[in-house]
Amino acid sequence: MAPADPQSVTPELRAWIIEQARAGCRPQDVLAAMLASGWQEPVAVAALEATLETHLREAQAAAQEEGAIASELPKLEVEGGQSEFELMGRRLSVAAALRQPRVVVLEGLLSRDECEQMIDAARSRLARSETVVNATGSSEVNAARTSEGMFFQRGESELCRSIEQRIAALLDWPVERGEGLQVLRYGVGAEYKPHYDYFDPGHPGTPVILRRGGQRVATLIMYLNTPQRGGATVFPDVGLEVAPIQGHAVFFSYDRPHPGTRTLHGGAPVLEGEKWIATKWLRQGRFD
């Protein structure tokens, strides 16, 4: 954006700054581009700070208007800090837990047979994974996500129904308020860079997505195999790494679509072997 003469903060400049922010550009990079275009540093800094501050306030207000702060969440509560419990005939163990953010690592959620059946059912339907396009609400291939994946329809098979009912009982959340299970395969070098699972209310495509089930409020990642090396699920904001072990799972919830939930997470590169996971996303309302 070339400066006006004399330099002034115009609506066009503010729109350009917001466009760069929505595209994921860092503030320091936007400032550098403005300086390279001839903007005086005091003017550029003031324009950048004021525009981003206003944009953030407006985005937060829009999120609240859309009811983005969840009044209830899927929950995984273990009474008295107990490390083991029964669930629908299965013995589960809590390997680790955090309160803020709410993260729980479980052992034994799936059996070995269930994991292998899920992989077998998904294998022939894999395609390059996609991510949501923020501007439209559609999806597309993204360099940040280098896995292969597919979605099962909710209740598509007896295996899916059994796992979905177990998850509903585990989290006290109705089956119909969850998306279909997604299975992903990561080969050597494949990863998913840190990201949030909620839909950012500041993006123009989000209202389209929210028409179907509302906002995402929690995630359950289930490990279908154990890679030889690498492939951990990482939570950079809290310094947590969850090892991918067959049958284990990690649950985390987020009460609002905001980085303050500290639920930034990603899939570290697989260094040897391959990693298979099944993901279940929980929505505020009925997902059809």
C-alpha atoms as a PDB file:
ATOM      1  CA  MET A   1       0.000   0.000   0.000  1.00  0.00           C
ATOM      2  CA  ALA A   2       1.691   3.181  -1.204  1.00  0.00           C
ATOM      3  CA  PRO A   3       1.390   6.236   1.100  1.00  0.00           C
ATOM      4  CA  ALA A   4      -0.786   9.217   0.329  1.00  0.00           C
ATOM      5  CA  ASP A   5       0.750  12.694   0.061  1.00  0.00           C
ATOM      6  CA  PRO A   6       0.670  14.018   2.708  1.00  0.00           C
ATOM      7  CA  GLN A   7       0.658  10.730   4.591  1.00  0.00           C
ATOM      8  CA  SER A   8      -2.674   9.980   6.272  1.00  0.00           C
ATOM      9  CA  VAL A   9      -4.456   6.927   7.608  1.00  0.00           C
ATOM     10  CA  THR A  10      -7.181   6.318   5.039  1.00  0.00           C
ATOM     11  CA  PRO A  11      -9.997   3.736   5.023  1.00  0.00           C
ATOM     12  CA  GLU A  12      -8.121   2.029   2.193  1.00  0.00           C
ATOM     13  CA  LEU A  13      -5.018   1.677   4.348  1.00  0.00           C
ATOM     14  CA  ARG A  14      -7.008   0.262   7.264  1.00  0.00           C
ATOM     15  CA  ALA A  15      -8.734  -2.214   4.940  1.00  0.00           C
ATOM     16  CA  TRP A  16      -5.364  -3.315   3.586  1.00  0.00           C
ATOM     17  CA  ILE A  17      -3.948  -3.861   7.089  1.00  0.00           C
ATOM     18  CA  ILE A  18      -6.965  -5.979   8.070  1.00  0.00           C
ATOM     19  CA  GLU A  19      -6.657  -7.973   4.846  1.00  0.00           C
ATOM     20  CA  GLN A  20      -3.029  -8.790   5.694  1.00  0.00           C
ATOM     21  CA  ALA A  21      -3.972  -9.819   9.235  1.00  0.00           C
ATOM     22  CA  ARG A  22      -6.716 -12.140   7.981  1.00  0.00           C
ATOM     23  CA  ALA A  23      -4.206 -13.689   5.572  1.00  0.00           C
ATOM     24  CA  GLY A  24      -2.009 -14.623   8.548  1.00  0.00           C
ATOM     25  CA  CYS A  25       0.735 -12.017   8.109  1.00  0.00           C
ATOM     26  CA  ARG A  26       2.625 -11.053  11.250  1.00  0.00           C
ATOM     27  CA  PRO A  27       2.337  -7.391  12.387  1.00  0.00           C
ATOM     28  CA  GLN A  28       6.096  -6.898  12.044  1.00  0.00           C
ATOM     29  CA  ASP A  29       5.958  -8.071   8.447  1.00  0.00           C
ATOM     30  CA  VAL A  30       3.067  -5.722   7.653  1.00  0.00           C
ATOM     31  CA  LEU A  31       5.027  -2.851   9.206  1.00  0.00           C
ATOM     32  CA  ALA A  32       8.111  -3.741   7.157  1.00  0.00           C
ATOM     33  CA  ALA A  33       6.027  -3.708   3.970  1.00  0.00           C
ATOM     34  CA  MET A  34       4.642  -0.278   4.830  1.00  0.00           C
ATOM     35  CA  LEU A  35       8.098   1.139   5.521  1.00  0.00           C
ATOM     36  CA  ALA A  36       9.407  -0.329   2.260  1.00  0.00           C
ATOM     37  CA  SER A  37       6.542   1.432   0.438  1.00  0.00           C
ATOM     38  CA  GLY A  38       7.602   4.794   1.848  1.00  0.00           C
ATOM     39  CA  TRP A  39       5.461   5.199   4.928  1.00  0.00           C
ATOM     40  CA  GLN A  40       7.047   7.136   7.775  1.00  0.00           C
ATOM     41  CA  GLU A  41       7.623   4.838  10.739  1.00  0.00           C
ATOM     42  CA  PRO A  42       5.598   6.842  13.339  1.00  0.00           C
ATOM     43  CA  VAL A  43       2.616   7.012  10.983  1.00  0.00           C
ATOM     44  CA  ALA A  44       2.901   3.335  10.038  1.00  0.00           C
ATOM     45  CA  VAL A  45       3.188   2.136  13.649  1.00  0.00           C
ATOM     46  CA  ALA A  46       0.230   4.241  14.810  1.00  0.00           C
ATOM     47  CA  ALA A  47      -1.934   3.105  11.900  1.00  0.00           C
ATOM     48  CA  LEU A  48      -1.051  -0.549  12.436  1.00  0.00           C
ATOM     49  CA  GLU A  49      -1.697  -0.525  16.195  1.00  0.00           C
ATOM     50  CA  ALA A  50      -4.966   1.405  15.983  1.00  0.00           C
ATOM     51  CA  THR A  51      -6.351  -0.652  13.099  1.00  0.00           C
ATOM     52  CA  LEU A  52      -5.523  -4.042  14.639  1.00  0.00           C
ATOM     53  CA  GLU A  53      -6.856  -3.005  18.040  1.00  0.00           C
ATOM     54  CA  THR A  54     -10.157  -1.890  16.517  1.00  0.00           C
ATOM     55  CA  HIS A  55     -10.374  -5.028  14.386  1.00  0.00           C
ATOM     56  CA  LEU A  56      -9.822  -7.253  17.431  1.00  0.00           C
ATOM     57  CA  ARG A  57     -12.527  -5.477  19.431  1.00  0.00           C
ATOM     58  CA  GLU A  58     -14.999  -5.810  16.577  1.00  0.00           C
ATOM     59  CA  ALA A  59     -14.202  -9.504  16.117  1.00  0.00           C
ATOM     60  CA  GLN A  60     -14.669 -10.190  19.824  1.00  0.00           C
ATOM     61  CA  ALA A  61     -17.971  -8.305  19.852  1.00  0.00           C
ATOM     62  CA  ALA A  62     -19.173 -10.279  16.834  1.00  0.00           C
ATOM     63  CA  ALA A  63     -18.209 -13.524  18.553  1.00  0.00           C
ATOM     64  CA  GLN A  64     -20.245 -12.636  21.629  1.00  0.00           C
ATOM     65  CA  GLU A  65     -23.238 -11.604  19.516  1.00  0.00           C
ATOM     66  CA  GLU A  66     -23.147 -15.011  17.811  1.00  0.00           C
ATOM     67  CA  GLY A  67     -23.211 -16.744  21.206  1.00  0.00           C
ATOM     68  CA  ALA A  68     -19.679 -18.002  20.696  1.00  0.00           C
ATOM     69  CA  ILE A  69     -18.989 -18.354  24.425  1.00  0.00           C
ATOM     70  CA  ALA A  70     -20.372 -21.789  25.205  1.00  0.00           C
ATOM     71  CA  SER A  71     -22.731 -22.107  28.158  1.00  0.00           C
ATOM     72  CA  GLU A  72     -21.962 -25.834  28.372  1.00  0.00           C
ATOM     73  CA  LEU A  73     -19.129 -28.055  27.232  1.00  0.00           C
ATOM     74  CA  PRO A  74     -18.417 -31.739  26.786  1.00  0.00           C
ATOM     75  CA  LYS A  75     -16.691 -32.753  29.983  1.00  0.00           C
ATOM     76  CA  LEU A  76     -14.402 -35.493  31.136  1.00  0.00           C
ATOM     77  CA  GLU A  77     -14.453 -35.426  34.905  1.00  0.00           C
ATOM     78  CA  VAL A  78     -12.722 -38.047  37.023  1.00  0.00           C
ATOM     79  CA  GLU A  79     -13.971 -37.913  40.579  1.00  0.00           C
ATOM     80  CA  GLY A  80     -11.403 -37.462  43.315  1.00  0.00           C
ATOM     81  CA  GLY A  81      -8.522 -37.535  40.871  1.00  0.00           C
ATOM     82  CA  GLN A  82      -8.947 -41.279  40.338  1.00  0.00           C
ATOM     83  CA  SER A  83      -6.733 -42.651  37.593  1.00  0.00           C
ATOM     84  CA  GLU A  84      -8.940 -45.561  36.444  1.00  0.00           C
ATOM     85  CA  PHE A  85     -12.635 -45.966  35.720  1.00  0.00           C
ATOM     86  CA  GLU A  86     -15.131 -48.214  33.910  1.00  0.00           C
ATOM     87  CA  LEU A  87     -16.923 -47.137  30.740  1.00  0.00           C
ATOM     88  CA  MET A  88     -19.380 -49.422  28.959  1.00  0.00           C
ATOM     89  CA  GLY A  89     -17.452 -52.526  29.931  1.00  0.00           C
ATOM     90  CA  ARG A  90     -13.994 -51.087  29.205  1.00  0.00           C
ATOM     91  CA  ARG A  91     -11.329 -50.233  31.778  1.00  0.00           C
ATOM     92  CA  LEU A  92      -9.820 -46.803  31.051  1.00  0.00           C
ATOM     93  CA  SER A  93      -6.881 -45.031  32.684  1.00  0.00           C
ATOM     94  CA  VAL A  94      -6.071 -41.329  32.925  1.00  0.00           C
ATOM     95  CA  ALA A  95      -2.426 -40.878  31.920  1.00  0.00           C
ATOM     96  CA  ALA A  96      -2.327 -37.076  32.316  1.00  0.00           C
ATOM     97  CA  ALA A  97      -4.710 -34.170  32.860  1.00  0.00           C
ATOM     98  CA  LEU A  98      -4.638 -30.367  32.798  1.00  0.00           C
ATOM     99  CA  ARG A  99      -7.295 -27.991  34.119  1.00  0.00           C
ATOM    100  CA  GLN A 100      -6.382 -24.866  32.114  1.00  0.00           C
ATOM    101  CA  PRO A 101      -6.728 -25.676  29.315  1.00  0.00           C
ATOM    102  CA  ARG A 102      -8.813 -28.770  29.942  1.00  0.00           C
ATOM    103  CA  VAL A 103      -6.747 -31.592  28.440  1.00  0.00           C
ATOM    104  CA  VAL A 104      -7.069 -35.262  29.395  1.00  0.00           C
ATOM    105  CA  VAL A 105      -4.926 -38.109  28.047  1.00  0.00           C
ATOM    106  CA  LEU A 106      -6.666 -41.501  28.206  1.00  0.00           C
ATOM    107  CA  GLU A 107      -5.337 -45.041  27.929  1.00  0.00           C
ATOM    108  CA  GLY A 108      -7.450 -47.850  26.500  1.00  0.00           C
ATOM    109  CA  LEU A 109     -10.332 -45.967  24.904  1.00  0.00           C
ATOM    110  CA  LEU A 110     -10.160 -48.228  21.830  1.00  0.00           C
ATOM    111  CA  SER A 111      -9.195 -51.880  21.562  1.00  0.00           C
ATOM    112  CA  ARG A 112      -6.510 -53.110  19.195  1.00  0.00           C
ATOM    113  CA  ASP A 113      -9.170 -54.797  17.024  1.00  0.00           C
ATOM    114  CA  GLU A 114     -11.215 -51.587  16.817  1.00  0.00           C
ATOM    115  CA  CYS A 115      -8.133 -49.618  15.766  1.00  0.00           C
ATOM    116  CA  GLU A 116      -7.243 -52.112  13.047  1.00  0.00           C
ATOM    117  CA  GLN A 117     -10.837 -52.297  11.795  1.00  0.00           C
ATOM    118  CA  MET A 118     -11.009 -48.512  11.585  1.00  0.00           C
ATOM    119  CA  ILE A 119      -7.791 -48.364   9.553  1.00  0.00           C
ATOM    120  CA  ASP A 120      -8.978 -51.131   7.216  1.00  0.00           C
ATOM    121  CA  ALA A 121     -12.331 -49.399   6.658  1.00  0.00           C
ATOM    122  CA  ALA A 122     -10.697 -46.040   5.905  1.00  0.00           C
ATOM    123  CA  ARG A 123      -7.674 -47.071   3.846  1.00  0.00           C
ATOM    124  CA  SER A 124      -9.301 -47.263   0.399  1.00  0.00           C
ATOM    125  CA  ARG A 125     -11.108 -43.915   0.876  1.00  0.00           C
ATOM    126  CA  LEU A 126      -8.116 -41.721   1.747  1.00  0.00           C
ATOM    127  CA  ALA A 127      -7.443 -38.465  -0.109  1.00  0.00           C
ATOM    128  CA  ARG A 128      -5.156 -35.496   0.566  1.00  0.00           C
ATOM    129  CA  SER A 129      -6.401 -33.716   3.702  1.00  0.00           C
ATOM    130  CA  GLU A 130      -7.960 -30.272   3.365  1.00  0.00           C
ATOM    131  CA  THR A 131      -8.431 -27.294   5.668  1.00  0.00           C
ATOM    132  CA  VAL A 132     -11.244 -24.758   5.946  1.00  0.00           C
ATOM    133  CA  VAL A 133     -11.073 -21.709   3.638  1.00  0.00           C
ATOM    134  CA  ASN A 134     -11.778 -18.825   6.019  1.00  0.00           C
ATOM    135  CA  ALA A 135     -13.140 -16.523   3.326  1.00  0.00           C
ATOM    136  CA  THR A 136     -15.856 -18.891   2.096  1.00  0.00           C
ATOM    137  CA  GLY A 137     -16.351 -21.709   4.594  1.00  0.00           C
ATOM    138  CA  SER A 138     -15.367 -24.321   1.988  1.00  0.00           C
ATOM    139  CA  SER A 139     -12.191 -26.455   2.177  1.00  0.00           C
ATOM    140  CA  GLU A 140      -9.005 -26.868   0.173  1.00  0.00           C
ATOM    141  CA  VAL A 141      -5.569 -28.521   0.257  1.00  0.00           C
ATOM    142  CA  ASN A 142      -3.156 -26.570   2.455  1.00  0.00           C
ATOM    143  CA  ALA A 143       0.637 -26.897   2.768  1.00  0.00           C
ATOM    144  CA  ALA A 144       0.315 -26.768   6.564  1.00  0.00           C
ATOM    145  CA  ARG A 145      -1.488 -30.123   6.562  1.00  0.00           C
ATOM    146  CA  THR A 146       0.305 -32.951   4.778  1.00  0.00           C
ATOM    147  CA  SER A 147      -1.761 -35.966   5.789  1.00  0.00           C
ATOM    148  CA  GLU A 148      -4.296 -38.109   3.942  1.00  0.00           C
ATOM    149  CA  GLY A 149      -7.775 -38.443   5.335  1.00  0.00           C
ATOM    150  CA  MET A 150     -11.446 -39.302   5.006  1.00  0.00           C
ATOM    151  CA  PHE A 151     -14.726 -38.825   6.906  1.00  0.00           C
ATOM    152  CA  PHE A 152     -17.180 -41.502   7.970  1.00  0.00           C
ATOM    153  CA  GLN A 153     -20.811 -40.479   8.107  1.00  0.00           C
ATOM    154  CA  ARG A 154     -22.072 -40.497  11.678  1.00  0.00           C
ATOM    155  CA  GLY A 155     -23.446 -43.960  12.421  1.00  0.00           C
ATOM    156  CA  GLU A 156     -22.216 -45.276   9.076  1.00  0.00           C
ATOM    157  CA  SER A 157     -21.265 -48.715  10.428  1.00  0.00           C
ATOM    158  CA  GLU A 158     -21.620 -50.780  13.563  1.00  0.00           C
ATOM    159  CA  LEU A 159     -18.005 -49.917  14.413  1.00  0.00           C
ATOM    160  CA  CYS A 160     -18.679 -46.176  14.046  1.00  0.00           C
ATOM    161  CA  ARG A 161     -21.874 -46.408  16.089  1.00  0.00           C
ATOM    162  CA  SER A 162     -20.132 -48.301  18.892  1.00  0.00           C
ATOM    163  CA  ILE A 163     -17.278 -45.793  19.142  1.00  0.00           C
ATOM    164  CA  GLU A 164     -19.623 -42.795  18.885  1.00  0.00           C
ATOM    165  CA  GLN A 165     -21.828 -44.117  21.686  1.00  0.00           C
ATOM    166  CA  ARG A 166     -18.753 -44.691  23.854  1.00  0.00           C
ATOM    167  CA  ILE A 167     -17.587 -41.125  23.225  1.00  0.00           C
ATOM    168  CA  ALA A 168     -21.061 -39.759  24.037  1.00  0.00           C
ATOM    169  CA  ALA A 169     -21.040 -41.617  27.365  1.00  0.00           C
ATOM    170  CA  LEU A 170     -17.451 -40.582  28.110  1.00  0.00           C
ATOM    171  CA  LEU A 171     -18.088 -36.862  27.544  1.00  0.00           C
ATOM    172  CA  ASP A 172     -21.786 -36.668  28.504  1.00  0.00           C
ATOM    173  CA  TRP A 173     -22.503 -35.198  25.066  1.00  0.00           C
ATOM    174  CA  PRO A 174     -25.234 -36.422  22.674  1.00  0.00           C
ATOM    175  CA  VAL A 175     -24.125 -38.370  19.606  1.00  0.00           C
ATOM    176  CA  GLU A 176     -26.064 -36.003  17.321  1.00  0.00           C
ATOM    177  CA  ARG A 177     -23.958 -33.060  18.522  1.00  0.00           C
ATOM    178  CA  GLY A 178     -20.805 -34.535  17.019  1.00  0.00           C
ATOM    179  CA  GLU A 179     -19.327 -34.630  13.535  1.00  0.00           C
ATOM    180  CA  GLY A 180     -18.620 -37.925  11.812  1.00  0.00           C
ATOM    181  CA  LEU A 181     -15.341 -39.601  12.654  1.00  0.00           C
ATOM    182  CA  GLN A 182     -12.402 -38.425  10.564  1.00  0.00           C
ATOM    183  CA  VAL A 183      -9.498 -40.824   9.970  1.00  0.00           C
ATOM    184  CA  LEU A 184      -6.076 -39.450   9.015  1.00  0.00           C
ATOM    185  CA  ARG A 185      -2.867 -41.130   7.898  1.00  0.00           C
ATOM    186  CA  TYR A 186       0.515 -39.411   8.270  1.00  0.00           C
ATOM    187  CA  GLY A 187       3.503 -40.883   6.414  1.00  0.00           C
ATOM    188  CA  VAL A 188       7.156 -40.076   7.102  1.00  0.00           C
ATOM    189  CA  GLY A 189       7.606 -36.302   7.204  1.00  0.00           C
ATOM    190  CA  ALA A 190       3.863 -35.590   7.240  1.00  0.00           C
ATOM    191  CA  GLU A 191       2.590 -33.149   9.862  1.00  0.00           C
ATOM    192  CA  TYR A 192      -0.144 -30.683  10.778  1.00  0.00           C
ATOM    193  CA  LYS A 193       1.283 -27.361  11.906  1.00  0.00           C
ATOM    194  CA  PRO A 194      -0.136 -25.842  15.127  1.00  0.00           C
ATOM    195  CA  HIS A 195      -3.692 -24.564  14.709  1.00  0.00           C
ATOM    196  CA  TYR A 196      -7.021 -24.159  16.511  1.00  0.00           C
ATOM    197  CA  ASP A 197     -10.024 -26.392  15.887  1.00  0.00           C
ATOM    198  CA  TYR A 198     -12.700 -23.742  16.469  1.00  0.00           C
ATOM    199  CA  PHE A 199     -14.000 -21.590  13.613  1.00  0.00           C
ATOM    200  CA  ASP A 200     -12.712 -18.019  13.878  1.00  0.00           C
ATOM    201  CA  PRO A 201     -15.747 -15.657  14.038  1.00  0.00           C
ATOM    202  CA  GLY A 202     -13.626 -12.908  12.485  1.00  0.00           C
ATOM    203  CA  HIS A 203     -13.453 -14.732   9.158  1.00  0.00           C
ATOM    204  CA  PRO A 204     -16.159 -14.086   6.555  1.00  0.00           C
ATOM    205  CA  GLY A 205     -16.769 -17.774   5.841  1.00  0.00           C
ATOM    206  CA  THR A 206     -17.528 -18.730   9.457  1.00  0.00           C
ATOM    207  CA  PRO A 207     -21.289 -17.932   9.456  1.00  0.00           C
ATOM    208  CA  VAL A 208     -21.740 -20.457   6.634  1.00  0.00           C
ATOM    209  CA  ILE A 209     -20.016 -23.168   8.676  1.00  0.00           C
ATOM    210  CA  LEU A 210     -21.919 -22.376  11.875  1.00  0.00           C
ATOM    211  CA  ARG A 211     -25.295 -22.955  10.207  1.00  0.00           C
ATOM    212  CA  ARG A 212     -24.580 -26.668  10.519  1.00  0.00           C
ATOM    213  CA  GLY A 213     -24.262 -27.478  14.206  1.00  0.00           C
ATOM    214  CA  GLY A 214     -22.841 -24.233  15.538  1.00  0.00           C
ATOM    215  CA  GLN A 215     -19.349 -23.759  16.887  1.00  0.00           C
ATOM    216  CA  ARG A 216     -16.919 -26.569  17.716  1.00  0.00           C
ATOM    217  CA  VAL A 217     -16.405 -26.833  21.480  1.00  0.00           C
ATOM    218  CA  ALA A 218     -14.167 -29.886  21.980  1.00  0.00           C
ATOM    219  CA  THR A 219     -11.896 -32.366  20.224  1.00  0.00           C
ATOM    220  CA  LEU A 220     -11.087 -36.026  20.854  1.00  0.00           C
ATOM    221  CA  ILE A 221      -8.085 -37.500  19.017  1.00  0.00           C
ATOM    222  CA  MET A 222      -7.761 -41.295  19.088  1.00  0.00           C
ATOM    223  CA  TYR A 223      -4.539 -43.062  18.079  1.00  0.00           C
ATOM    224  CA  LEU A 224      -5.109 -46.060  15.824  1.00  0.00           C
ATOM    225  CA  ASN A 225      -1.489 -47.223  15.737  1.00  0.00           C
ATOM    226  CA  THR A 226       1.893 -46.452  17.281  1.00  0.00           C
ATOM    227  CA  PRO A 227       4.466 -44.867  14.923  1.00  0.00           C
ATOM    228  CA  GLN A 228       8.060 -45.988  15.310  1.00  0.00           C
ATOM    229  CA  ARG A 229       9.233 -42.403  15.878  1.00  0.00           C
ATOM    230  CA  GLY A 230       7.675 -38.956  15.933  1.00  0.00           C
ATOM    231  CA  GLY A 231       4.070 -37.902  15.389  1.00  0.00           C
ATOM    232  CA  ALA A 232       3.299 -36.514  18.849  1.00  0.00           C
ATOM    233  CA  THR A 233       0.301 -34.232  19.376  1.00  0.00           C
ATOM    234  CA  VAL A 234       1.826 -30.989  20.652  1.00  0.00           C
ATOM    235  CA  PHE A 235       0.261 -28.126  22.631  1.00  0.00           C
ATOM    236  CA  PRO A 236       2.812 -25.275  22.281  1.00  0.00           C
ATOM    237  CA  ASP A 237       1.074 -22.847  24.655  1.00  0.00           C
ATOM    238  CA  VAL A 238       1.367 -25.242  27.611  1.00  0.00           C
ATOM    239  CA  GLY A 239       4.482 -27.211  26.636  1.00  0.00           C
ATOM    240  CA  LEU A 240       2.642 -30.536  26.400  1.00  0.00           C
ATOM    241  CA  GLU A 241       3.440 -33.411  24.033  1.00  0.00           C
ATOM    242  CA  VAL A 242       1.167 -36.455  23.822  1.00  0.00           C
ATOM    243  CA  ALA A 243       2.774 -39.598  22.435  1.00  0.00           C
ATOM    244  CA  PRO A 244       0.684 -41.443  19.823  1.00  0.00           C
ATOM    245  CA  ILE A 245       0.055 -44.910  21.304  1.00  0.00           C
ATOM    246  CA  GLN A 246      -2.467 -47.325  19.832  1.00  0.00           C
ATOM    247  CA  GLY A 247      -5.793 -47.243  21.680  1.00  0.00           C
ATOM    248  CA  HIS A 248      -4.974 -44.068  23.611  1.00  0.00           C
ATOM    249  CA  ALA A 249      -6.710 -40.714  23.133  1.00  0.00           C
ATOM    250  CA  VAL A 250      -6.388 -37.036  24.035  1.00  0.00           C
ATOM    251  CA  PHE A 251      -9.407 -34.843  24.783  1.00  0.00           C
ATOM    252  CA  PHE A 252      -9.477 -31.048  25.001  1.00  0.00           C
ATOM    253  CA  SER A 253     -12.273 -28.467  25.145  1.00  0.00           C
ATOM    254  CA  TYR A 254     -12.545 -24.747  24.393  1.00  0.00           C
ATOM    255  CA  ASP A 255     -15.370 -22.540  25.650  1.00  0.00           C
ATOM    256  CA  ARG A 256     -14.901 -19.777  23.093  1.00  0.00           C
ATOM    257  CA  PRO A 257     -13.240 -19.312  19.694  1.00  0.00           C
ATOM    258  CA  HIS A 258     -10.217 -17.399  20.974  1.00  0.00           C
ATOM    259  CA  PRO A 259      -6.471 -18.040  21.454  1.00  0.00           C
ATOM    260  CA  GLY A 260      -7.032 -17.383  25.147  1.00  0.00           C
ATOM    261  CA  THR A 261      -8.336 -20.942  25.404  1.00  0.00           C
ATOM    262  CA  ARG A 262      -4.680 -22.042  24.975  1.00  0.00           C
ATOM    263  CA  THR A 263      -5.752 -24.942  22.769  1.00  0.00           C
ATOM    264  CA  LEU A 264      -3.239 -24.318  19.992  1.00  0.00           C
ATOM    265  CA  HIS A 265      -2.142 -27.797  18.920  1.00  0.00           C
ATOM    266  CA  GLY A 266      -0.541 -29.656  16.056  1.00  0.00           C
ATOM    267  CA  GLY A 267       0.716 -32.984  14.806  1.00  0.00           C
ATOM    268  CA  ALA A 268       4.513 -33.195  14.884  1.00  0.00           C
ATOM    269  CA  PRO A 269       6.216 -34.752  11.832  1.00  0.00           C
ATOM    270  CA  VAL A 270       6.362 -38.530  11.673  1.00  0.00           C
ATOM    271  CA  LEU A 271      10.029 -39.528  11.669  1.00  0.00           C
ATOM    272  CA  GLU A 272       9.725 -43.258  11.088  1.00  0.00           C
ATOM    273  CA  GLY A 273       6.775 -45.483  10.206  1.00  0.00           C
ATOM    274  CA  GLU A 274       3.296 -43.987   9.855  1.00  0.00           C
ATOM    275  CA  LYS A 275       0.635 -42.537  12.141  1.00  0.00           C
ATOM    276  CA  TRP A 276      -3.103 -43.209  11.963  1.00  0.00           C
ATOM    277  CA  ILE A 277      -5.599 -41.240  14.056  1.00  0.00           C
ATOM    278  CA  ALA A 278      -9.362 -40.863  14.308  1.00  0.00           C
ATOM    279  CA  THR A 279     -10.704 -37.445  15.319  1.00  0.00           C
ATOM    280  CA  LYS A 280     -14.093 -36.577  16.762  1.00  0.00           C
ATOM    281  CA  TRP A 281     -15.180 -32.925  16.871  1.00  0.00           C
ATOM    282  CA  LEU A 282     -18.049 -31.927  19.174  1.00  0.00           C
ATOM    283  CA  ARG A 283     -20.425 -29.077  18.253  1.00  0.00           C
ATOM    284  CA  GLN A 284     -22.644 -26.731  20.273  1.00  0.00           C
ATOM    285  CA  GLY A 285     -25.788 -27.943  18.547  1.00  0.00           C
ATOM    286  CA  ARG A 286     -27.095 -30.794  16.452  1.00  0.00           C
ATOM    287  CA  PHE A 287     -24.812 -31.522  13.486  1.00  0.00           C
ATOM    288  CA  ASP A 288     -26.684 -32.761  10.401  1.00  0.00           C
END
